[in-house]
Amino acid sequence: ILLMGGAGTLASWNSSADTGSSQTITAGALSVTANADGVWKSGATTITPSTFKIVPGDSLNYTQTFNVVASGNNLLFTLAATPGAIAANSGSSADVALAAAVTGSANFASAGSNIAASTTPGTYKVTTAGTTVVTVTMTVTFPYASGNSTQTGAVTFGNGAVTVTQTQTP
């Protein structure tokens, strides 16, 4: 009897069954890509920024489209547009004054049926998988009361950004 206890246990009956057919689960996606370069305008006129002479009171708009690809049954995300940085071309007083006077802002509009605003402000949800075209407008404003120190100044506009970020799912 002592030898039997060390050699193992007696077998008992047991059984198992499969849980059903195997299933595949596929992850969704969220990405943003830029379409062709955008267009700079002063009012309704298309301009070339490097040759345009901005004056106090001007507002210039840069418009570009982006594709937002979104799929996922419970996917919620934010969509944000950030204007590019405005920097003086050099350390000259006119460049520095113009960089301090000019401001930038960004906004966007979406034109697609596969995303919709969610109950949380600023958040979108996927209604069907697909691509939504988002139009982003970045505005550069040169306030009217900027003063004489900005004359002949030059600034560089850095790249703005469009960002999609997944948020907590419901």
N, C-alpha and C. Protein backbone atom coordinates (compact mmCIF):
# COMPACT_ATOMS: atom_id res chain seq x y z
N ILE A 1 0.84 -1.18 0.00
CA ILE A 1 0.00 0.00 0.00
C ILE A 1 0.87 1.23 0.00
N LEU A 2 1.96 1.25 0.75
CA LEU A 2 2.83 2.42 0.79
C LEU A 2 3.44 2.70 -0.58
N LEU A 3 3.80 1.69 -1.31
CA LEU A 3 4.38 1.91 -2.63
C LEU A 3 3.34 2.45 -3.60
N MET A 4 2.13 2.11 -3.49
CA MET A 4 1.08 2.56 -4.37
C MET A 4 0.82 4.06 -4.24
N GLY A 5 0.87 4.61 -3.05
CA GLY A 5 0.62 6.04 -2.83
C GLY A 5 1.66 6.91 -3.48
N GLY A 6 2.89 6.48 -3.57
CA GLY A 6 3.94 7.28 -4.18
C GLY A 6 3.96 7.16 -5.69
N ALA A 7 3.33 6.16 -6.25
CA ALA A 7 3.38 5.93 -7.69
C ALA A 7 2.33 6.71 -8.45
N GLY A 8 1.39 7.34 -7.79
CA GLY A 8 0.36 8.08 -8.49
C GLY A 8 -0.99 7.85 -7.86
N THR A 9 -2.01 8.34 -8.51
CA THR A 9 -3.35 8.17 -7.99
C THR A 9 -4.13 7.30 -8.94
N LEU A 10 -5.20 6.80 -8.45
CA LEU A 10 -6.05 5.99 -9.28
C LEU A 10 -6.81 6.89 -10.23
N ALA A 11 -7.01 6.52 -11.47
CA ALA A 11 -7.71 7.32 -12.46
C ALA A 11 -9.19 7.38 -12.13
N SER A 12 -9.78 8.56 -12.38
CA SER A 12 -11.23 8.70 -12.23
C SER A 12 -11.80 9.09 -13.57
N TRP A 13 -13.07 8.95 -13.70
CA TRP A 13 -13.69 9.30 -14.97
C TRP A 13 -13.66 10.82 -15.18
N ASN A 14 -13.49 11.28 -16.40
CA ASN A 14 -13.59 12.70 -16.73
C ASN A 14 -13.98 12.86 -18.18
N SER A 15 -14.41 14.07 -18.54
CA SER A 15 -14.87 14.33 -19.90
C SER A 15 -14.69 15.81 -20.21
N SER A 16 -14.67 16.18 -21.47
CA SER A 16 -14.61 17.59 -21.88
C SER A 16 -15.37 17.75 -23.18
N ALA A 17 -15.76 19.00 -23.46
CA ALA A 17 -16.46 19.30 -24.71
C ALA A 17 -15.94 20.63 -25.25
N ASP A 18 -15.90 20.78 -26.56
CA ASP A 18 -15.47 22.04 -27.18
C ASP A 18 -16.48 23.14 -26.88
N THR A 19 -16.00 24.37 -26.88
CA THR A 19 -16.87 25.52 -26.60
C THR A 19 -17.63 25.97 -27.83
N GLY A 20 -17.41 25.45 -28.96
CA GLY A 20 -18.08 25.84 -30.20
C GLY A 20 -17.04 26.02 -31.28
N SER A 21 -17.47 26.58 -32.39
CA SER A 21 -16.52 26.76 -33.49
C SER A 21 -15.55 27.88 -33.15
N SER A 22 -14.36 27.84 -33.74
CA SER A 22 -13.38 28.88 -33.48
C SER A 22 -13.83 30.17 -34.18
N GLN A 23 -13.48 31.30 -33.62
CA GLN A 23 -13.88 32.61 -34.13
C GLN A 23 -12.65 33.48 -34.34
N THR A 24 -12.73 34.38 -35.30
CA THR A 24 -11.67 35.33 -35.55
C THR A 24 -12.14 36.71 -35.11
N ILE A 25 -11.32 37.40 -34.37
CA ILE A 25 -11.61 38.77 -33.97
C ILE A 25 -10.58 39.66 -34.65
N THR A 26 -11.05 40.72 -35.30
CA THR A 26 -10.17 41.61 -36.03
C THR A 26 -10.18 42.99 -35.38
N ALA A 27 -9.01 43.57 -35.21
CA ALA A 27 -8.89 44.90 -34.62
C ALA A 27 -9.31 45.97 -35.62
N GLY A 28 -9.86 47.05 -35.11
CA GLY A 28 -10.23 48.19 -35.94
C GLY A 28 -8.99 49.01 -36.28
N ALA A 29 -9.22 50.22 -36.77
CA ALA A 29 -8.11 51.08 -37.17
C ALA A 29 -8.49 52.54 -36.98
N LEU A 30 -7.48 53.38 -36.79
CA LEU A 30 -7.67 54.83 -36.71
C LEU A 30 -6.40 55.48 -37.22
N SER A 31 -6.52 56.24 -38.30
CA SER A 31 -5.35 56.93 -38.86
C SER A 31 -5.79 58.19 -39.59
N VAL A 32 -4.83 59.08 -39.80
CA VAL A 32 -5.07 60.29 -40.58
C VAL A 32 -3.91 60.47 -41.54
N THR A 33 -4.23 60.81 -42.79
CA THR A 33 -3.20 61.08 -43.80
C THR A 33 -3.57 62.36 -44.54
N ALA A 34 -2.55 63.10 -44.93
CA ALA A 34 -2.76 64.34 -45.66
C ALA A 34 -2.98 64.05 -47.13
N ASN A 35 -3.90 64.78 -47.74
CA ASN A 35 -4.06 64.73 -49.19
C ASN A 35 -3.05 65.69 -49.79
N ALA A 36 -3.21 66.09 -51.02
CA ALA A 36 -2.28 67.00 -51.69
C ALA A 36 -2.09 68.27 -50.86
N ASP A 37 -0.99 68.98 -51.11
CA ASP A 37 -0.74 70.23 -50.41
C ASP A 37 -1.94 71.15 -50.51
N GLY A 38 -2.12 71.93 -49.47
CA GLY A 38 -3.24 72.85 -49.42
C GLY A 38 -3.00 74.12 -50.22
N VAL A 39 -3.93 75.06 -50.03
CA VAL A 39 -3.91 76.31 -50.79
C VAL A 39 -3.94 77.48 -49.82
N TRP A 40 -3.08 78.48 -50.05
CA TRP A 40 -3.09 79.72 -49.28
C TRP A 40 -3.97 80.72 -50.00
N LYS A 41 -4.80 81.45 -49.22
CA LYS A 41 -5.65 82.48 -49.81
C LYS A 41 -5.69 83.71 -48.93
N SER A 42 -5.84 84.85 -49.60
CA SER A 42 -6.15 86.11 -48.95
C SER A 42 -7.53 86.48 -49.48
N GLY A 43 -8.55 86.32 -48.62
CA GLY A 43 -9.92 86.46 -49.11
C GLY A 43 -10.19 85.32 -50.07
N ALA A 44 -10.65 85.65 -51.28
CA ALA A 44 -10.93 84.62 -52.29
C ALA A 44 -9.77 84.41 -53.25
N THR A 45 -8.69 85.18 -53.09
CA THR A 45 -7.55 85.14 -54.01
C THR A 45 -6.49 84.16 -53.53
N THR A 46 -6.10 83.22 -54.40
CA THR A 46 -5.01 82.30 -54.08
C THR A 46 -3.70 83.07 -54.12
N ILE A 47 -2.84 82.82 -53.12
CA ILE A 47 -1.57 83.55 -53.02
C ILE A 47 -0.41 82.58 -52.89
N THR A 48 0.78 83.10 -53.11
CA THR A 48 2.02 82.40 -52.82
C THR A 48 2.62 83.12 -51.61
N PRO A 49 2.68 82.49 -50.45
CA PRO A 49 3.13 83.17 -49.24
C PRO A 49 4.49 83.84 -49.36
N SER A 50 5.43 83.23 -50.06
CA SER A 50 6.78 83.80 -50.14
C SER A 50 6.84 85.11 -50.91
N THR A 51 5.82 85.40 -51.72
CA THR A 51 5.83 86.67 -52.47
C THR A 51 4.72 87.62 -52.02
N PHE A 52 3.86 87.17 -51.11
CA PHE A 52 2.75 88.00 -50.65
C PHE A 52 3.25 88.95 -49.55
N LYS A 53 2.91 90.21 -49.66
CA LYS A 53 3.29 91.22 -48.65
C LYS A 53 2.08 91.47 -47.75
N ILE A 54 2.11 90.88 -46.58
CA ILE A 54 1.02 91.00 -45.63
C ILE A 54 1.04 92.40 -45.00
N VAL A 55 -0.14 92.95 -44.74
CA VAL A 55 -0.26 94.27 -44.11
C VAL A 55 -1.20 94.15 -42.91
N PRO A 56 -1.09 95.07 -41.95
CA PRO A 56 -2.00 95.02 -40.80
C PRO A 56 -3.47 94.96 -41.26
N GLY A 57 -4.23 94.09 -40.63
CA GLY A 57 -5.63 93.89 -40.99
C GLY A 57 -5.86 92.67 -41.87
N ASP A 58 -4.79 92.08 -42.41
CA ASP A 58 -4.91 90.90 -43.27
C ASP A 58 -5.14 89.63 -42.46
N SER A 59 -5.90 88.72 -43.05
CA SER A 59 -6.03 87.35 -42.56
C SER A 59 -5.78 86.45 -43.76
N LEU A 60 -4.87 85.52 -43.59
CA LEU A 60 -4.56 84.55 -44.64
C LEU A 60 -5.05 83.19 -44.19
N ASN A 61 -5.60 82.41 -45.12
CA ASN A 61 -6.12 81.09 -44.81
C ASN A 61 -5.38 80.04 -45.62
N TYR A 62 -5.01 78.97 -44.93
CA TYR A 62 -4.42 77.80 -45.57
C TYR A 62 -5.42 76.67 -45.39
N THR A 63 -5.88 76.07 -46.50
CA THR A 63 -6.87 75.01 -46.45
C THR A 63 -6.31 73.75 -47.08
N GLN A 64 -6.48 72.63 -46.37
CA GLN A 64 -5.99 71.34 -46.85
C GLN A 64 -6.97 70.26 -46.39
N THR A 65 -7.06 69.19 -47.17
CA THR A 65 -7.93 68.08 -46.78
C THR A 65 -7.09 66.90 -46.29
N PHE A 66 -7.70 66.14 -45.39
CA PHE A 66 -7.07 64.96 -44.80
C PHE A 66 -8.07 63.83 -44.83
N ASN A 67 -7.58 62.61 -44.90
CA ASN A 67 -8.44 61.43 -44.82
C ASN A 67 -8.30 60.83 -43.43
N VAL A 68 -9.43 60.65 -42.76
CA VAL A 68 -9.46 59.96 -41.48
C VAL A 68 -10.08 58.59 -41.73
N VAL A 69 -9.29 57.55 -41.50
CA VAL A 69 -9.76 56.18 -41.66
C VAL A 69 -10.10 55.68 -40.25
N ALA A 70 -11.35 55.27 -40.08
CA ALA A 70 -11.79 54.82 -38.76
C ALA A 70 -12.67 53.59 -38.89
N SER A 71 -12.36 52.58 -38.09
CA SER A 71 -13.21 51.39 -38.01
C SER A 71 -13.07 50.81 -36.61
N GLY A 72 -14.17 50.37 -36.08
CA GLY A 72 -14.17 49.78 -34.74
C GLY A 72 -15.55 49.94 -34.13
N ASN A 73 -16.10 48.87 -33.62
CA ASN A 73 -17.47 48.90 -33.11
C ASN A 73 -17.66 49.87 -31.96
N ASN A 74 -16.69 50.02 -31.10
CA ASN A 74 -16.80 50.91 -29.94
C ASN A 74 -15.76 52.03 -29.99
N LEU A 75 -15.34 52.40 -31.19
CA LEU A 75 -14.25 53.38 -31.32
C LEU A 75 -14.77 54.79 -31.12
N LEU A 76 -14.21 55.47 -30.13
CA LEU A 76 -14.43 56.90 -29.90
C LEU A 76 -13.09 57.58 -30.06
N PHE A 77 -13.08 58.77 -30.65
CA PHE A 77 -11.82 59.47 -30.83
C PHE A 77 -12.03 60.97 -30.88
N THR A 78 -10.95 61.70 -30.64
CA THR A 78 -10.98 63.14 -30.80
C THR A 78 -10.24 63.48 -32.09
N LEU A 79 -10.62 64.59 -32.65
CA LEU A 79 -10.01 65.10 -33.87
C LEU A 79 -9.59 66.52 -33.56
N ALA A 80 -8.33 66.84 -33.78
CA ALA A 80 -7.83 68.17 -33.44
C ALA A 80 -6.96 68.71 -34.56
N ALA A 81 -7.04 70.01 -34.77
CA ALA A 81 -6.18 70.70 -35.73
C ALA A 81 -5.39 71.75 -34.96
N THR A 82 -4.09 71.76 -35.15
CA THR A 82 -3.21 72.68 -34.46
C THR A 82 -2.49 73.53 -35.50
N PRO A 83 -2.53 74.87 -35.36
CA PRO A 83 -1.83 75.71 -36.33
C PRO A 83 -0.32 75.54 -36.22
N GLY A 84 0.35 75.89 -37.29
CA GLY A 84 1.81 75.83 -37.28
C GLY A 84 2.40 76.95 -36.44
N ALA A 85 3.64 76.76 -36.02
CA ALA A 85 4.33 77.77 -35.22
C ALA A 85 4.70 78.96 -36.10
N ILE A 86 4.68 80.13 -35.50
CA ILE A 86 5.07 81.36 -36.20
C ILE A 86 6.37 81.83 -35.56
N ALA A 87 7.42 81.95 -36.36
CA ALA A 87 8.73 82.32 -35.82
C ALA A 87 9.35 83.42 -36.66
N ALA A 88 10.10 84.29 -36.01
CA ALA A 88 10.84 85.34 -36.71
C ALA A 88 11.89 84.68 -37.61
N ASN A 89 12.05 85.23 -38.82
CA ASN A 89 13.06 84.68 -39.74
C ASN A 89 14.47 84.91 -39.22
N SER A 90 14.67 86.00 -38.51
CA SER A 90 15.98 86.33 -37.97
C SER A 90 15.77 87.03 -36.64
N GLY A 91 16.83 87.52 -36.07
CA GLY A 91 16.75 88.26 -34.81
C GLY A 91 16.51 89.74 -35.01
N SER A 92 16.24 90.18 -36.26
CA SER A 92 16.03 91.62 -36.49
C SER A 92 14.79 92.08 -35.73
N SER A 93 14.78 93.34 -35.33
CA SER A 93 13.66 93.86 -34.54
C SER A 93 12.34 93.80 -35.32
N ALA A 94 12.37 94.01 -36.65
CA ALA A 94 11.14 93.95 -37.46
C ALA A 94 10.61 92.51 -37.52
N ASP A 95 11.50 91.53 -37.68
CA ASP A 95 11.09 90.13 -37.71
C ASP A 95 10.48 89.71 -36.37
N VAL A 96 11.14 90.10 -35.29
CA VAL A 96 10.66 89.75 -33.95
C VAL A 96 9.32 90.42 -33.68
N ALA A 97 9.15 91.67 -34.06
CA ALA A 97 7.89 92.39 -33.85
C ALA A 97 6.75 91.76 -34.66
N LEU A 98 7.03 91.38 -35.91
CA LEU A 98 6.00 90.76 -36.73
C LEU A 98 5.60 89.40 -36.16
N ALA A 99 6.58 88.62 -35.72
CA ALA A 99 6.28 87.31 -35.12
C ALA A 99 5.43 87.46 -33.86
N ALA A 100 5.67 88.52 -33.10
CA ALA A 100 4.88 88.76 -31.89
C ALA A 100 3.46 89.22 -32.22
N ALA A 101 3.29 89.90 -33.35
CA ALA A 101 1.98 90.46 -33.71
C ALA A 101 1.07 89.46 -34.40
N VAL A 102 1.63 88.59 -35.23
CA VAL A 102 0.83 87.67 -36.04
C VAL A 102 0.37 86.50 -35.16
N THR A 103 -0.89 86.10 -35.33
CA THR A 103 -1.43 84.96 -34.57
C THR A 103 -1.94 83.89 -35.54
N GLY A 104 -2.02 82.69 -35.05
CA GLY A 104 -2.52 81.58 -35.87
C GLY A 104 -3.62 80.83 -35.14
N SER A 105 -4.53 80.26 -35.90
CA SER A 105 -5.59 79.42 -35.34
C SER A 105 -5.92 78.35 -36.36
N ALA A 106 -6.64 77.33 -35.91
CA ALA A 106 -7.00 76.23 -36.81
C ALA A 106 -8.39 75.73 -36.46
N ASN A 107 -9.12 75.30 -37.49
CA ASN A 107 -10.40 74.65 -37.28
C ASN A 107 -10.60 73.61 -38.37
N PHE A 108 -11.61 72.78 -38.20
CA PHE A 108 -11.83 71.72 -39.18
C PHE A 108 -13.31 71.47 -39.36
N ALA A 109 -13.63 70.86 -40.49
CA ALA A 109 -15.00 70.42 -40.78
C ALA A 109 -14.90 69.04 -41.41
N SER A 110 -15.77 68.13 -41.01
CA SER A 110 -15.73 66.79 -41.57
C SER A 110 -16.88 66.61 -42.55
N ALA A 111 -16.64 65.81 -43.56
CA ALA A 111 -17.65 65.54 -44.59
C ALA A 111 -17.68 64.06 -44.86
N GLY A 112 -18.24 63.31 -43.95
CA GLY A 112 -18.31 61.86 -44.13
C GLY A 112 -19.46 61.30 -43.33
N SER A 113 -19.98 60.21 -43.81
CA SER A 113 -21.13 59.62 -43.12
C SER A 113 -20.73 58.48 -42.19
N ASN A 114 -19.44 58.19 -42.09
CA ASN A 114 -19.06 57.05 -41.25
C ASN A 114 -18.64 57.45 -39.84
N ILE A 115 -18.63 58.75 -39.51
CA ILE A 115 -18.39 59.17 -38.14
C ILE A 115 -19.48 60.16 -37.75
N ALA A 116 -19.72 60.25 -36.45
CA ALA A 116 -20.73 61.17 -35.94
C ALA A 116 -20.26 61.70 -34.59
N ALA A 117 -20.73 62.88 -34.23
CA ALA A 117 -20.41 63.43 -32.92
C ALA A 117 -20.99 62.52 -31.85
N SER A 118 -20.23 62.28 -30.80
CA SER A 118 -20.73 61.45 -29.71
C SER A 118 -21.37 62.34 -28.65
N THR A 119 -21.80 61.74 -27.57
CA THR A 119 -22.43 62.52 -26.51
C THR A 119 -21.40 63.34 -25.72
N THR A 120 -20.13 62.97 -25.83
CA THR A 120 -19.06 63.74 -25.19
C THR A 120 -18.58 64.82 -26.16
N PRO A 121 -18.66 66.11 -25.78
CA PRO A 121 -18.24 67.18 -26.70
C PRO A 121 -16.81 66.98 -27.20
N GLY A 122 -16.60 67.20 -28.48
CA GLY A 122 -15.28 67.08 -29.09
C GLY A 122 -14.87 65.66 -29.42
N THR A 123 -15.76 64.71 -29.19
CA THR A 123 -15.45 63.30 -29.44
C THR A 123 -16.36 62.77 -30.54
N TYR A 124 -15.80 61.91 -31.37
CA TYR A 124 -16.53 61.31 -32.48
C TYR A 124 -16.61 59.81 -32.28
N LYS A 125 -17.64 59.21 -32.89
CA LYS A 125 -17.76 57.76 -32.85
C LYS A 125 -17.90 57.26 -34.28
N VAL A 126 -17.48 56.03 -34.48
CA VAL A 126 -17.57 55.41 -35.79
C VAL A 126 -18.97 54.83 -35.95
N THR A 127 -19.64 55.19 -37.03
CA THR A 127 -20.96 54.61 -37.32
C THR A 127 -20.82 53.44 -38.28
N THR A 128 -19.92 53.56 -39.25
CA THR A 128 -19.57 52.46 -40.14
C THR A 128 -18.10 52.62 -40.50
N ALA A 129 -17.42 51.53 -40.75
CA ALA A 129 -16.01 51.60 -41.11
C ALA A 129 -15.85 52.34 -42.44
N GLY A 130 -14.84 53.17 -42.54
CA GLY A 130 -14.60 53.86 -43.79
C GLY A 130 -13.69 55.06 -43.63
N THR A 131 -13.69 55.90 -44.66
CA THR A 131 -12.84 57.08 -44.70
C THR A 131 -13.70 58.33 -44.70
N THR A 132 -13.33 59.29 -43.87
CA THR A 132 -13.99 60.58 -43.83
C THR A 132 -13.00 61.64 -44.27
N VAL A 133 -13.41 62.53 -45.15
CA VAL A 133 -12.56 63.64 -45.58
C VAL A 133 -12.76 64.79 -44.59
N VAL A 134 -11.66 65.27 -44.04
CA VAL A 134 -11.70 66.37 -43.09
C VAL A 134 -10.98 67.56 -43.74
N THR A 135 -11.65 68.70 -43.77
CA THR A 135 -11.05 69.92 -44.31
C THR A 135 -10.56 70.77 -43.15
N VAL A 136 -9.28 71.09 -43.17
CA VAL A 136 -8.67 71.89 -42.11
C VAL A 136 -8.31 73.26 -42.68
N THR A 137 -8.68 74.29 -41.93
CA THR A 137 -8.33 75.66 -42.31
C THR A 137 -7.49 76.26 -41.20
N MET A 138 -6.31 76.70 -41.55
CA MET A 138 -5.44 77.39 -40.61
C MET A 138 -5.42 78.86 -41.02
N THR A 139 -5.68 79.71 -40.05
CA THR A 139 -5.78 81.15 -40.32
C THR A 139 -4.63 81.88 -39.65
N VAL A 140 -3.99 82.76 -40.40
CA VAL A 140 -2.94 83.62 -39.88
C VAL A 140 -3.48 85.05 -39.92
N THR A 141 -3.50 85.69 -38.77
CA THR A 141 -4.07 87.03 -38.67
C THR A 141 -3.00 88.04 -38.27
N PHE A 142 -2.98 89.16 -38.99
CA PHE A 142 -2.07 90.27 -38.70
C PHE A 142 -2.95 91.41 -38.21
N PRO A 143 -3.04 91.63 -36.88
CA PRO A 143 -3.95 92.64 -36.34
C PRO A 143 -3.68 94.03 -36.90
N TYR A 144 -4.75 94.79 -37.07
CA TYR A 144 -4.67 96.11 -37.68
C TYR A 144 -3.78 97.06 -36.87
N ALA A 145 -3.87 97.03 -35.57
CA ALA A 145 -3.13 97.98 -34.72
C ALA A 145 -1.77 97.41 -34.31
N SER A 146 -1.00 96.93 -35.26
CA SER A 146 0.27 96.28 -34.95
C SER A 146 1.45 97.24 -34.83
N GLY A 147 1.31 98.45 -35.31
CA GLY A 147 2.39 99.42 -35.17
C GLY A 147 3.42 99.34 -36.28
N ASN A 148 4.24 100.40 -36.35
CA ASN A 148 5.25 100.54 -37.41
C ASN A 148 6.42 99.59 -37.26
N SER A 149 6.65 99.05 -36.07
CA SER A 149 7.83 98.22 -35.85
C SER A 149 7.79 96.91 -36.65
N THR A 150 6.63 96.56 -37.20
CA THR A 150 6.50 95.30 -37.95
C THR A 150 6.84 95.45 -39.43
N GLN A 151 7.01 96.68 -39.90
CA GLN A 151 7.27 96.91 -41.34
C GLN A 151 8.54 96.19 -41.77
N THR A 152 8.47 95.56 -42.90
CA THR A 152 9.53 94.78 -43.56
C THR A 152 9.92 93.51 -42.80
N GLY A 153 9.20 93.18 -41.73
CA GLY A 153 9.50 91.97 -40.97
C GLY A 153 9.15 90.73 -41.78
N ALA A 154 9.77 89.62 -41.44
CA ALA A 154 9.50 88.35 -42.11
C ALA A 154 9.37 87.26 -41.05
N VAL A 155 8.39 86.39 -41.26
CA VAL A 155 8.18 85.27 -40.34
C VAL A 155 8.09 83.98 -41.14
N THR A 156 8.31 82.88 -40.47
CA THR A 156 8.17 81.55 -41.05
C THR A 156 7.02 80.86 -40.35
N PHE A 157 6.17 80.21 -41.14
CA PHE A 157 5.07 79.44 -40.60
C PHE A 157 5.49 77.98 -40.60
N GLY A 158 5.53 77.38 -39.43
CA GLY A 158 5.87 75.97 -39.32
C GLY A 158 4.68 75.11 -39.72
N ASN A 159 4.91 73.83 -39.82
CA ASN A 159 3.84 72.90 -40.18
C ASN A 159 2.82 72.80 -39.05
N GLY A 160 1.56 72.88 -39.40
CA GLY A 160 0.50 72.59 -38.44
C GLY A 160 0.31 71.09 -38.39
N ALA A 161 -0.67 70.67 -37.62
CA ALA A 161 -0.90 69.23 -37.47
C ALA A 161 -2.38 68.92 -37.32
N VAL A 162 -2.76 67.76 -37.81
CA VAL A 162 -4.09 67.20 -37.58
C VAL A 162 -3.86 65.89 -36.84
N THR A 163 -4.54 65.72 -35.74
CA THR A 163 -4.32 64.56 -34.88
C THR A 163 -5.64 63.86 -34.58
N VAL A 164 -5.64 62.55 -34.68
CA VAL A 164 -6.77 61.74 -34.21
C VAL A 164 -6.24 60.90 -33.04
N THR A 165 -7.01 60.87 -31.96
CA THR A 165 -6.59 60.16 -30.76
C THR A 165 -7.76 59.36 -30.20
N GLN A 166 -7.56 58.08 -30.01
CA GLN A 166 -8.61 57.26 -29.44
C GLN A 166 -8.84 57.69 -28.00
N THR A 167 -10.11 57.72 -27.60
CA THR A 167 -10.47 58.01 -26.22
C THR A 167 -11.07 56.75 -25.62
N GLN A 168 -11.39 56.83 -24.35
CA GLN A 168 -11.96 55.68 -23.64
C GLN A 168 -13.24 55.22 -24.32
N THR A 169 -13.39 53.93 -24.51
CA THR A 169 -14.61 53.40 -25.11
C THR A 169 -15.70 53.33 -24.08
N PRO A 170 -16.97 53.31 -24.52
CA PRO A 170 -18.08 53.33 -23.56
C PRO A 170 -18.15 52.07 -22.72
